[in-house]
C-alpha cells in the first residue's frame, strides 16, 4: 500500500510564521495553477491528456499538496528527475535519447540511480516512470530493486484506465509536492503556466524544452539533466539564480559524481 503521510516539522528561522504563511499561499496558488492545465493555451492546446489531468487534480483535492520542510529534509541527499520512460520501446527513437536500444537506455538510467542514491536518500520523481501499459507488477519489481525512499509526482503516463493512478512500488504518490526551501520549489509533472509568486516550478513532461532566462521553471526531465538525478540542494541554488535573473545553468553542471 502506498503511504501518503502528512509532512511535519519546522522551518528553522525567526520568521517561521511568515514563512508558513508564504508556503500556504504558494500551495493555494499551485492548486489553482494545476486547474489551469485543463484549459487550452493561446494556441488551443492542452499540455496533458485531460483524463490524466483530472486524476492528478482529484489526488490534489483528496491529499492537498504535501510540503517537505527543510528541517526534515536533507537537500544534499534528496534527488530529483523526471520522465525516465523505462520499458518504453519508443524512448530511444521517438525521444532521440543517445542509446543504442531501449534496454541499454533502461540499464543506464537504473545504474545511474544506484550509483547516486543511497538507501537512506530520498528520490522525488516528477512523473512518467514507464508507459501506462506497463502494469503494477512490473513497476513494483523495477522500483523494489532501486534504492531510496521513492516519491512520485503523477505524470500522464502514471495513470491507468478508468483514471486509476499507478502507485505500486512508490513509497508515496502525490499530484504535486512543495519544498519549503529558500526559494520554495513547487514540483509538478507538467510545467505550470502560472508559477506562484516567489516560487520556482520544477517539472518534467516537456523533454526538449530548454530553460530560459527570467523563467521561474526548471525542467528536470532526464533529457535535460544529463540522464542523472540532480540534488535538491543544487536545484535550490539554481532556483535562486533564476529568480535573480541569471542565465540558466545546465543542470548536469550540478551533477554529483559518485
Foldseek 3Di string as FASTA:
>chain_A
DADDDADDDFAPDPPGVVLVVVVVVQLVVVLVLLVCLLAADPVRDRLADNLLSVLLNVQCVVRPAHEAEPRNADLQQEWEFEALAQPPQCCCVVVVDPDDGSVRSNVVLQVQQQQRHDQAGEYEYQENNHALVDALVNLLVSLVPGHHQYEYQYDNRQAHPPRRGRDHNHNYYHVWYWYSDQQIEIEHADDGPDRPPSYAYEYESPLPDDDFALHRYHYRHCSQQVSHIAGSVLVSVQNVCRPVRHGRDRNVVRDDDD
